[in-house]
C-alpha atoms as a PDB file:
ATOM      1  CA  UNK A   1     144.240 112.440 143.540  1.00  0.00           C
ATOM      2  CA  UNK A   2     141.295 113.029 142.786  1.00  0.00           C
ATOM      3  CA  UNK A   3     140.264 110.431 140.506  1.00  0.00           C
ATOM      4  CA  UNK A   4     141.994 107.417 143.083  1.00  0.00           C
ATOM      5  CA  UNK A   5     138.554 106.304 144.173  1.00  0.00           C
ATOM      6  CA  UNK A   6     136.920 106.640 141.616  1.00  0.00           C
ATOM      7  CA  UNK A   7     135.674 104.987 138.126  1.00  0.00           C
ATOM      8  CA  UNK A   8     136.354 105.783 134.560  1.00  0.00           C
ATOM      9  CA  UNK A   9     133.080 107.147 134.104  1.00  0.00           C
ATOM     10  CA  UNK A  10     133.175 109.672 136.749  1.00  0.00           C
ATOM     11  CA  UNK A  11     136.802 110.392 136.251  1.00  0.00           C
ATOM     12  CA  UNK A  12     135.627 111.507 132.789  1.00  0.00           C
ATOM     13  CA  UNK A  13     132.826 113.432 134.360  1.00  0.00           C
ATOM     14  CA  UNK A  14     135.285 115.578 136.957  1.00  0.00           C
ATOM     15  CA  UNK A  15     137.545 116.267 133.770  1.00  0.00           C
ATOM     16  CA  UNK A  16     134.840 117.321 131.744  1.00  0.00           C
ATOM     17  CA  UNK A  17     133.942 119.662 135.250  1.00  0.00           C
ATOM     18  CA  UNK A  18     137.783 120.941 135.349  1.00  0.00           C
ATOM     19  CA  UNK A  19     137.613 121.862 131.372  1.00  0.00           C
ATOM     20  CA  UNK A  20     134.346 123.576 132.352  1.00  0.00           C
ATOM     21  CA  UNK A  21     135.809 125.599 135.402  1.00  0.00           C
ATOM     22  CA  UNK A  22     138.641 126.764 133.570  1.00  0.00           C
ATOM     23  CA  UNK A  23     136.239 127.830 130.456  1.00  0.00           C
ATOM     24  CA  UNK A  24     134.610 130.441 133.258  1.00  0.00           C
ATOM     25  CA  UNK A  25     138.056 131.594 134.185  1.00  0.00           C
ATOM     26  CA  UNK A  26     138.742 129.132 136.857  1.00  0.00           C
ATOM     27  CA  UNK A  27     142.728 128.113 137.526  1.00  0.00           C
ATOM     28  CA  UNK A  28     142.758 123.930 138.695  1.00  0.00           C
ATOM     29  CA  UNK A  29     145.758 122.323 139.878  1.00  0.00           C
ATOM     30  CA  UNK A  30     145.285 118.250 139.168  1.00  0.00           C
ATOM     31  CA  UNK A  31     148.079 116.190 141.364  1.00  0.00           C
ATOM     32  CA  UNK A  32     147.434 112.923 139.824  1.00  0.00           C
ATOM     33  CA  UNK A  33     149.802 109.460 138.666  1.00  0.00           C
ATOM     34  CA  UNK A  34     147.133 108.756 136.381  1.00  0.00           C
ATOM     35  CA  UNK A  35     149.303 110.157 133.459  1.00  0.00           C
ATOM     36  CA  UNK A  36     146.700 109.756 130.750  1.00  0.00           C
ATOM     37  CA  UNK A  37     144.520 112.165 133.186  1.00  0.00           C
ATOM     38  CA  UNK A  38     146.623 114.832 133.563  1.00  0.00           C
ATOM     39  CA  UNK A  39     147.998 115.129 129.588  1.00  0.00           C
ATOM     40  CA  UNK A  40     144.146 115.184 129.163  1.00  0.00           C
ATOM     41  CA  UNK A  41     143.275 118.090 130.982  1.00  0.00           C
ATOM     42  CA  UNK A  42     146.598 119.965 131.816  1.00  0.00           C
ATOM     43  CA  UNK A  43     148.080 123.003 129.821  1.00  0.00           C
ATOM     44  CA  UNK A  44     151.637 123.367 131.593  1.00  0.00           C
ATOM     45  CA  UNK A  45     152.895 120.151 133.451  1.00  0.00           C
ATOM     46  CA  UNK A  46     155.564 120.480 136.420  1.00  0.00           C
ATOM     47  CA  UNK A  47     157.337 117.276 137.009  1.00  0.00           C
ATOM     48  CA  UNK A  48     158.725 116.303 140.585  1.00  0.00           C
ATOM     49  CA  UNK A  49     161.066 113.686 142.095  1.00  0.00           C
ATOM     50  CA  UNK A  50     162.123 113.811 145.477  1.00  0.00           C
ATOM     51  CA  UNK A  51     160.824 117.247 146.185  1.00  0.00           C
ATOM     52  CA  UNK A  52     162.202 118.640 143.891  1.00  0.00           C
ATOM     53  CA  UNK A  53     161.072 120.665 140.576  1.00  0.00           C
ATOM     54  CA  UNK A  54     162.191 118.077 137.867  1.00  0.00           C
ATOM     55  CA  UNK A  55     160.943 120.530 134.983  1.00  0.00           C
ATOM     56  CA  UNK A  56     157.561 121.804 133.426  1.00  0.00           C
ATOM     57  CA  UNK A  57     155.858 121.463 130.726  1.00  0.00           C
ATOM     58  CA  UNK A  58     153.898 123.037 127.802  1.00  0.00           C
ATOM     59  CA  UNK A  59     151.506 121.396 126.693  1.00  0.00           C
ATOM     60  CA  UNK A  60     150.152 123.680 124.421  1.00  0.00           C
ATOM     61  CA  UNK A  61     153.812 124.158 122.210  1.00  0.00           C
ATOM     62  CA  UNK A  62     154.146 120.636 121.801  1.00  0.00           C
ATOM     63  CA  UNK A  63     151.914 117.173 122.673  1.00  0.00           C
ATOM     64  CA  UNK A  64     153.686 115.659 125.878  1.00  0.00           C
ATOM     65  CA  UNK A  65     154.040 112.207 125.525  1.00  0.00           C
ATOM     66  CA  UNK A  66     153.223 109.175 128.662  1.00  0.00           C
ATOM     67  CA  UNK A  67     156.507 108.025 127.990  1.00  0.00           C
ATOM     68  CA  UNK A  68     158.200 111.820 128.468  1.00  0.00           C
ATOM     69  CA  UNK A  69     156.497 112.809 131.387  1.00  0.00           C
ATOM     70  CA  UNK A  70     157.662 108.916 132.862  1.00  0.00           C
ATOM     71  CA  UNK A  71     161.282 109.355 132.057  1.00  0.00           C
ATOM     72  CA  UNK A  72     161.603 113.195 134.085  1.00  0.00           C
ATOM     73  CA  UNK A  73     159.267 111.104 136.794  1.00  0.00           C
ATOM     74  CA  UNK A  74     161.671 108.047 137.312  1.00  0.00           C
ATOM     75  CA  UNK A  75     164.817 109.803 135.948  1.00  0.00           C
ATOM     76  CA  UNK A  76     165.572 107.507 133.177  1.00  0.00           C
ATOM     77  CA  UNK A  77     164.056 105.970 130.271  1.00  0.00           C
ATOM     78  CA  UNK A  78     161.565 102.907 131.189  1.00  0.00           C
ATOM     79  CA  UNK A  79     161.820 100.200 128.061  1.00  0.00           C
ATOM     80  CA  UNK A  80     158.969  98.386 129.436  1.00  0.00           C
ATOM     81  CA  UNK A  81     155.860 100.074 132.152  1.00  0.00           C
ATOM     82  CA  UNK A  82     154.595  96.633 132.143  1.00  0.00           C
ATOM     83  CA  UNK A  83     157.249  93.592 132.936  1.00  0.00           C
ATOM     84  CA  UNK A  84     157.182  90.536 130.235  1.00  0.00           C
ATOM     85  CA  UNK A  85     155.331  87.483 132.221  1.00  0.00           C
ATOM     86  CA  UNK A  86     156.462  83.796 131.613  1.00  0.00           C
ATOM     87  CA  UNK A  87     154.291  82.324 133.767  1.00  0.00           C
ATOM     88  CA  UNK A  88     154.792  78.470 134.844  1.00  0.00           C
ATOM     89  CA  UNK A  89     151.498  77.538 136.083  1.00  0.00           C
ATOM     90  CA  UNK A  90     151.088  73.656 138.323  1.00  0.00           C
ATOM     91  CA  UNK A  91     147.890  72.388 140.160  1.00  0.00           C
ATOM     92  CA  UNK A  92     145.541  74.493 142.487  1.00  0.00           C
ATOM     93  CA  UNK A  93     147.015  75.933 145.672  1.00  0.00           C
ATOM     94  CA  UNK A  94     144.126  77.621 147.246  1.00  0.00           C
ATOM     95  CA  UNK A  95     140.672  77.486 146.445  1.00  0.00           C
ATOM     96  CA  UNK A  96     137.624  79.734 147.824  1.00  0.00           C
ATOM     97  CA  UNK A  97     134.113  77.792 147.861  1.00  0.00           C
ATOM     98  CA  UNK A  98     130.442  78.833 148.074  1.00  0.00           C
ATOM     99  CA  UNK A  99     131.580  82.433 149.877  1.00  0.00           C
ATOM    100  CA  UNK A 100     129.100  84.367 151.958  1.00  0.00           C
ATOM    101  CA  UNK A 101     129.649  87.337 153.837  1.00  0.00           C
ATOM    102  CA  UNK A 102     127.767  89.185 156.037  1.00  0.00           C
ATOM    103  CA  UNK A 103     127.872  93.065 156.534  1.00  0.00           C
ATOM    104  CA  UNK A 104     129.234  93.257 160.415  1.00  0.00           C
ATOM    105  CA  UNK A 105     127.112  96.046 161.498  1.00  0.00           C
ATOM    106  CA  UNK A 106     124.228  95.434 158.954  1.00  0.00           C
ATOM    107  CA  UNK A 107     123.526  91.878 160.023  1.00  0.00           C
ATOM    108  CA  UNK A 108     120.551  91.458 157.084  1.00  0.00           C
ATOM    109  CA  UNK A 109     122.963  93.228 154.265  1.00  0.00           C
ATOM    110  CA  UNK A 110     124.945  90.297 152.958  1.00  0.00           C
ATOM    111  CA  UNK A 111     128.503  91.444 151.046  1.00  0.00           C
ATOM    112  CA  UNK A 112     129.412  88.634 149.121  1.00  0.00           C
ATOM    113  CA  UNK A 113     126.972  86.294 147.844  1.00  0.00           C
ATOM    114  CA  UNK A 114     128.893  82.508 146.822  1.00  0.00           C
ATOM    115  CA  UNK A 115     131.360  83.389 145.417  1.00  0.00           C
ATOM    116  CA  UNK A 116     134.116  80.978 144.272  1.00  0.00           C
ATOM    117  CA  UNK A 117     137.541  80.926 142.590  1.00  0.00           C
ATOM    118  CA  UNK A 118     141.167  78.943 142.605  1.00  0.00           C
ATOM    119  CA  UNK A 119     144.551  79.928 141.963  1.00  0.00           C
ATOM    120  CA  UNK A 120     147.351  77.673 140.595  1.00  0.00           C
ATOM    121  CA  UNK A 121     150.930  78.047 141.482  1.00  0.00           C
ATOM    122  CA  UNK A 122     152.669  80.501 139.767  1.00  0.00           C
ATOM    123  CA  UNK A 123     149.247  81.792 138.762  1.00  0.00           C
ATOM    124  CA  UNK A 124     148.295  85.907 138.217  1.00  0.00           C
ATOM    125  CA  UNK A 125     144.058  85.826 139.284  1.00  0.00           C
ATOM    126  CA  UNK A 126     142.758  89.923 138.898  1.00  0.00           C
ATOM    127  CA  UNK A 127     139.733  90.216 140.178  1.00  0.00           C
ATOM    128  CA  UNK A 128     137.756  93.443 139.450  1.00  0.00           C
ATOM    129  CA  UNK A 129     134.746  95.276 139.928  1.00  0.00           C
ATOM    130  CA  UNK A 130     133.574  98.863 140.778  1.00  0.00           C
ATOM    131  CA  UNK A 131     133.755 100.502 143.903  1.00  0.00           C
ATOM    132  CA  UNK A 132     131.535  98.608 146.347  1.00  0.00           C
ATOM    133  CA  UNK A 133     131.258  96.115 144.579  1.00  0.00           C
ATOM    134  CA  UNK A 134     132.607  93.339 146.896  1.00  0.00           C
ATOM    135  CA  UNK A 135     136.550  93.057 146.156  1.00  0.00           C
ATOM    136  CA  UNK A 136     138.352  94.626 149.668  1.00  0.00           C
ATOM    137  CA  UNK A 137     135.341  92.601 151.709  1.00  0.00           C
ATOM    138  CA  UNK A 138     136.130  89.444 149.524  1.00  0.00           C
ATOM    139  CA  UNK A 139     139.530  89.563 150.668  1.00  0.00           C
ATOM    140  CA  UNK A 140     139.411  91.032 154.262  1.00  0.00           C
ATOM    141  CA  UNK A 141     137.187  88.416 155.047  1.00  0.00           C
ATOM    142  CA  UNK A 142     139.041  85.654 153.437  1.00  0.00           C
ATOM    143  CA  UNK A 143     142.292  87.120 155.175  1.00  0.00           C
ATOM    144  CA  UNK A 144     141.345  85.759 158.841  1.00  0.00           C
ATOM    145  CA  UNK A 145     137.718  86.884 159.158  1.00  0.00           C
ATOM    146  CA  UNK A 146     138.963  90.863 159.196  1.00  0.00           C
ATOM    147  CA  UNK A 147     135.808  91.688 157.323  1.00  0.00           C
ATOM    148  CA  UNK A 148     132.042  90.889 158.146  1.00  0.00           C
ATOM    149  CA  UNK A 149     129.922  88.515 159.882  1.00  0.00           C
ATOM    150  CA  UNK A 150     128.205  85.116 159.603  1.00  0.00           C
ATOM    151  CA  UNK A 151     131.019  83.960 156.909  1.00  0.00           C
ATOM    152  CA  UNK A 152     130.371  80.690 155.630  1.00  0.00           C
ATOM    153  CA  UNK A 153     132.028  78.457 152.750  1.00  0.00           C
ATOM    154  CA  UNK A 154     135.320  76.442 152.724  1.00  0.00           C
ATOM    155  CA  UNK A 155     138.222  77.518 152.284  1.00  0.00           C
ATOM    156  CA  UNK A 156     140.586  74.950 150.482  1.00  0.00           C
ATOM    157  CA  UNK A 157     144.543  74.709 150.623  1.00  0.00           C
ATOM    158  CA  UNK A 158     146.878  72.683 149.097  1.00  0.00           C
ATOM    159  CA  UNK A 159     144.093  70.225 148.752  1.00  0.00           C
ATOM    160  CA  UNK A 160     143.353  70.312 152.495  1.00  0.00           C
ATOM    161  CA  UNK A 161     140.332  71.847 153.793  1.00  0.00           C
ATOM    162  CA  UNK A 162     141.677  75.057 156.173  1.00  0.00           C
ATOM    163  CA  UNK A 163     140.021  77.598 158.255  1.00  0.00           C
ATOM    164  CA  UNK A 164     141.436  80.696 159.287  1.00  0.00           C
ATOM    165  CA  UNK A 165     139.681  81.985 162.614  1.00  0.00           C
ATOM    166  CA  UNK A 166     142.368  85.150 163.227  1.00  0.00           C
ATOM    167  CA  UNK A 167     144.610  86.430 160.686  1.00  0.00           C
ATOM    168  CA  UNK A 168     147.576  84.341 162.227  1.00  0.00           C
ATOM    169  CA  UNK A 169     146.128  80.857 161.458  1.00  0.00           C
ATOM    170  CA  UNK A 170     145.988  82.387 157.615  1.00  0.00           C
ATOM    171  CA  UNK A 171     149.892  83.707 157.769  1.00  0.00           C
ATOM    172  CA  UNK A 172     150.732  80.455 159.293  1.00  0.00           C
ATOM    173  CA  UNK A 173     149.448  78.288 156.762  1.00  0.00           C
ATOM    174  CA  UNK A 174     151.069  80.623 154.061  1.00  0.00           C
ATOM    175  CA  UNK A 175     148.010  83.496 152.812  1.00  0.00           C
ATOM    176  CA  UNK A 176     148.639  87.348 153.924  1.00  0.00           C
ATOM    177  CA  UNK A 177     146.895  90.047 152.276  1.00  0.00           C
ATOM    178  CA  UNK A 178     148.511  93.369 150.840  1.00  0.00           C
ATOM    179  CA  UNK A 179     145.520  96.461 152.131  1.00  0.00           C
ATOM    180  CA  UNK A 180     143.974  98.530 149.458  1.00  0.00           C
ATOM    181  CA  UNK A 181     145.394 101.276 152.741  1.00  0.00           C
ATOM    182  CA  UNK A 182     148.443 100.744 153.870  1.00  0.00           C
ATOM    183  CA  UNK A 183     148.555 104.139 156.587  1.00  0.00           C
ATOM    184  CA  UNK A 184     145.643 103.052 158.550  1.00  0.00           C
ATOM    185  CA  UNK A 185     145.875  98.579 158.045  1.00  0.00           C
ATOM    186  CA  UNK A 186     149.316  98.018 156.366  1.00  0.00           C
ATOM    187  CA  UNK A 187     151.404 100.057 158.216  1.00  0.00           C
ATOM    188  CA  UNK A 188     153.183 101.548 161.730  1.00  0.00           C
ATOM    189  CA  UNK A 189     153.537 105.020 160.558  1.00  0.00           C
ATOM    190  CA  UNK A 190     155.045 106.288 164.164  1.00  0.00           C
ATOM    191  CA  UNK A 191     157.376 102.560 164.133  1.00  0.00           C
ATOM    192  CA  UNK A 192     160.682 102.517 161.847  1.00  0.00           C
ATOM    193  CA  UNK A 193     161.426 100.609 158.662  1.00  0.00           C
ATOM    194  CA  UNK A 194     162.984  97.377 160.378  1.00  0.00           C
ATOM    195  CA  UNK A 195     160.590  96.597 162.908  1.00  0.00           C
ATOM    196  CA  UNK A 196     157.094  97.008 160.087  1.00  0.00           C
ATOM    197  CA  UNK A 197     159.193  94.471 157.452  1.00  0.00           C
ATOM    198  CA  UNK A 198     159.583  92.496 159.784  1.00  0.00           C
ATOM    199  CA  UNK A 199     156.151  92.551 162.200  1.00  0.00           C
ATOM    200  CA  UNK A 200     154.673  89.853 160.283  1.00  0.00           C
ATOM    201  CA  UNK A 201     157.416  87.170 161.107  1.00  0.00           C
ATOM    202  CA  UNK A 202     158.814  88.031 164.632  1.00  0.00           C
ATOM    203  CA  UNK A 203     159.937  83.747 164.440  1.00  0.00           C
ATOM    204  CA  UNK A 204     162.261  84.133 161.626  1.00  0.00           C
ATOM    205  CA  UNK A 205     164.356  86.546 163.638  1.00  0.00           C
ATOM    206  CA  UNK A 206     164.063  85.185 167.637  1.00  0.00           C
ATOM    207  CA  UNK A 207     166.181  83.228 169.002  1.00  0.00           C
ATOM    208  CA  UNK A 208     164.277  80.964 172.144  1.00  0.00           C
ATOM    209  CA  UNK A 209     161.640  83.585 172.367  1.00  0.00           C
ATOM    210  CA  UNK A 210     163.845  86.508 171.980  1.00  0.00           C
ATOM    211  CA  UNK A 211     164.071  88.786 169.524  1.00  0.00           C
ATOM    212  CA  UNK A 212     167.856  88.770 167.627  1.00  0.00           C
ATOM    213  CA  UNK A 213     168.602  92.897 167.091  1.00  0.00           C
ATOM    214  CA  UNK A 214     171.288  91.111 164.247  1.00  0.00           C
ATOM    215  CA  UNK A 215     168.476  88.952 162.588  1.00  0.00           C
ATOM    216  CA  UNK A 216     166.206  91.702 162.078  1.00  0.00           C
ATOM    217  CA  UNK A 217     168.885  94.585 160.914  1.00  0.00           C
ATOM    218  CA  UNK A 218     170.201  92.336 158.880  1.00  0.00           C
ATOM    219  CA  UNK A 219     166.735  90.830 156.914  1.00  0.00           C
ATOM    220  CA  UNK A 220     165.461  94.807 156.814  1.00  0.00           C
ATOM    221  CA  UNK A 221     168.759  95.501 155.483  1.00  0.00           C
ATOM    222  CA  UNK A 222     168.209  92.716 152.768  1.00  0.00           C
ATOM    223  CA  UNK A 223     164.243  93.750 151.865  1.00  0.00           C
ATOM    224  CA  UNK A 224     165.399  97.522 151.752  1.00  0.00           C
ATOM    225  CA  UNK A 225     167.989  96.474 148.848  1.00  0.00           C
ATOM    226  CA  UNK A 226     165.916  93.477 146.884  1.00  0.00           C
ATOM    227  CA  UNK A 227     163.076  96.488 146.699  1.00  0.00           C
ATOM    228  CA  UNK A 228     164.636  99.327 146.050  1.00  0.00           C
ATOM    229  CA  UNK A 229     163.626 101.253 149.657  1.00  0.00           C
ATOM    230  CA  UNK A 230     164.336 105.139 149.345  1.00  0.00           C
ATOM    231  CA  UNK A 231     165.502 105.895 152.845  1.00  0.00           C
ATOM    232  CA  UNK A 232     167.900 107.454 154.489  1.00  0.00           C
ATOM    233  CA  UNK A 233     167.694 103.853 157.580  1.00  0.00           C
ATOM    234  CA  UNK A 234     166.106 101.335 158.121  1.00  0.00           C
ATOM    235  CA  UNK A 235     165.274 103.004 161.136  1.00  0.00           C
ATOM    236  CA  UNK A 236     164.042 105.965 160.039  1.00  0.00           C
ATOM    237  CA  UNK A 237     160.192 105.969 160.532  1.00  0.00           C
ATOM    238  CA  UNK A 238     157.425 104.892 157.794  1.00  0.00           C
ATOM    239  CA  UNK A 239     155.794 107.678 158.477  1.00  0.00           C
ATOM    240  CA  UNK A 240     158.330 110.301 156.779  1.00  0.00           C
ATOM    241  CA  UNK A 241     158.724 107.605 153.473  1.00  0.00           C
ATOM    242  CA  UNK A 242     156.823 108.490 149.479  1.00  0.00           C
ATOM    243  CA  UNK A 243     153.948 106.289 149.281  1.00  0.00           C
ATOM    244  CA  UNK A 244     155.514 104.601 146.837  1.00  0.00           C
ATOM    245  CA  UNK A 245     158.234 103.417 149.699  1.00  0.00           C
ATOM    246  CA  UNK A 246     156.241 102.712 151.761  1.00  0.00           C
ATOM    247  CA  UNK A 247     153.497 100.230 149.448  1.00  0.00           C
ATOM    248  CA  UNK A 248     157.195  98.415 149.386  1.00  0.00           C
ATOM    249  CA  UNK A 249     157.519  98.467 152.960  1.00  0.00           C
ATOM    250  CA  UNK A 250     154.445  96.971 152.753  1.00  0.00           C
ATOM    251  CA  UNK A 251     155.214  94.810 150.301  1.00  0.00           C
ATOM    252  CA  UNK A 252     158.089  93.408 151.643  1.00  0.00           C
ATOM    253  CA  UNK A 253     156.799  92.754 155.061  1.00  0.00           C
ATOM    254  CA  UNK A 254     154.809  90.220 153.566  1.00  0.00           C
ATOM    255  CA  UNK A 255     157.159  88.835 151.433  1.00  0.00           C
ATOM    256  CA  UNK A 256     159.281  88.365 154.777  1.00  0.00           C
ATOM    257  CA  UNK A 257     156.643  85.367 155.802  1.00  0.00           C
ATOM    258  CA  UNK A 258     157.541  83.755 152.780  1.00  0.00           C
ATOM    259  CA  UNK A 259     153.890  83.019 151.686  1.00  0.00           C
ATOM    260  CA  UNK A 260     152.891  81.042 149.142  1.00  0.00           C
ATOM    261  CA  UNK A 261     149.256  82.606 148.172  1.00  0.00           C
ATOM    262  CA  UNK A 262     149.656  87.121 148.225  1.00  0.00           C
ATOM    263  CA  UNK A 263     146.379  88.501 148.361  1.00  0.00           C
ATOM    264  CA  UNK A 264     147.142  92.684 146.639  1.00  0.00           C
ATOM    265  CA  UNK A 265     144.318  94.748 147.293  1.00  0.00           C
ATOM    266  CA  UNK A 266     144.589  97.760 144.765  1.00  0.00           C
ATOM    267  CA  UNK A 267     148.572  97.703 145.272  1.00  0.00           C
ATOM    268  CA  UNK A 268     149.247 100.679 142.922  1.00  0.00           C
ATOM    269  CA  UNK A 269     147.445 103.298 144.252  1.00  0.00           C
ATOM    270  CA  UNK A 270     148.584 106.765 144.987  1.00  0.00           C
ATOM    271  CA  UNK A 271     152.322 105.368 143.686  1.00  0.00           C
ATOM    272  CA  UNK A 272     154.427 106.228 141.023  1.00  0.00           C
ATOM    273  CA  UNK A 273     154.808 104.709 138.006  1.00  0.00           C
ATOM    274  CA  UNK A 274     158.508 103.875 138.540  1.00  0.00           C
ATOM    275  CA  UNK A 275     157.493 102.276 142.337  1.00  0.00           C
ATOM    276  CA  UNK A 276     154.940 100.678 139.895  1.00  0.00           C
END
């Protein structure tokens, strides 16, 4: 995944470098979920699925399309790689006004400068920018001030001014954040699937401050089916799952909190096209 964190120009330079090394007799093995890059530089393409080699395609013999590779990766035809959208846009549910954030160690370095945005009910708002532009810093600072110092500005939820001084404040207000770094911040890799799914909303599975094992199992099983999490059991360690299934657990955890606003930071990084 050498281009996962690169912009388009840097990715192109890296792929050109591979082609230059090829001229010098150096072999390269490129592992990537970015199929346009695979088809651009590869002489042969080996498709893996669930730890098994499915097939190897020779690009010199025939033109290999991305759809052909996807069929091998997911085991079926994907008729729509991007689902149809019929949005029903409502009133403004969440708004950020004049948001300033400074670096947590370098107190004079401003990371977010007077950012403002709003989101309506039923709306998907995209935030674009190169690496280092401040996307993650913006999202994390909104989510209970989990990034940054000297944070100023206003947050409004359903027309009311709100303060998220902790992550718990944000979750209780219905604003949640799926991190771009699931292994470090999104999951407890040494715990099982069911605990990871229910962790952010324990109140929903407790009776008199005691966790109900039956409620926990029922909730985790429901998420496993709805998100099609491929795991032998909800008692499986999350660290043993593939990247795509780990990401499904992350999303299951936040959907289990029944949020009003879901902030997704690079949610498709390092996952296969079927999971995407």
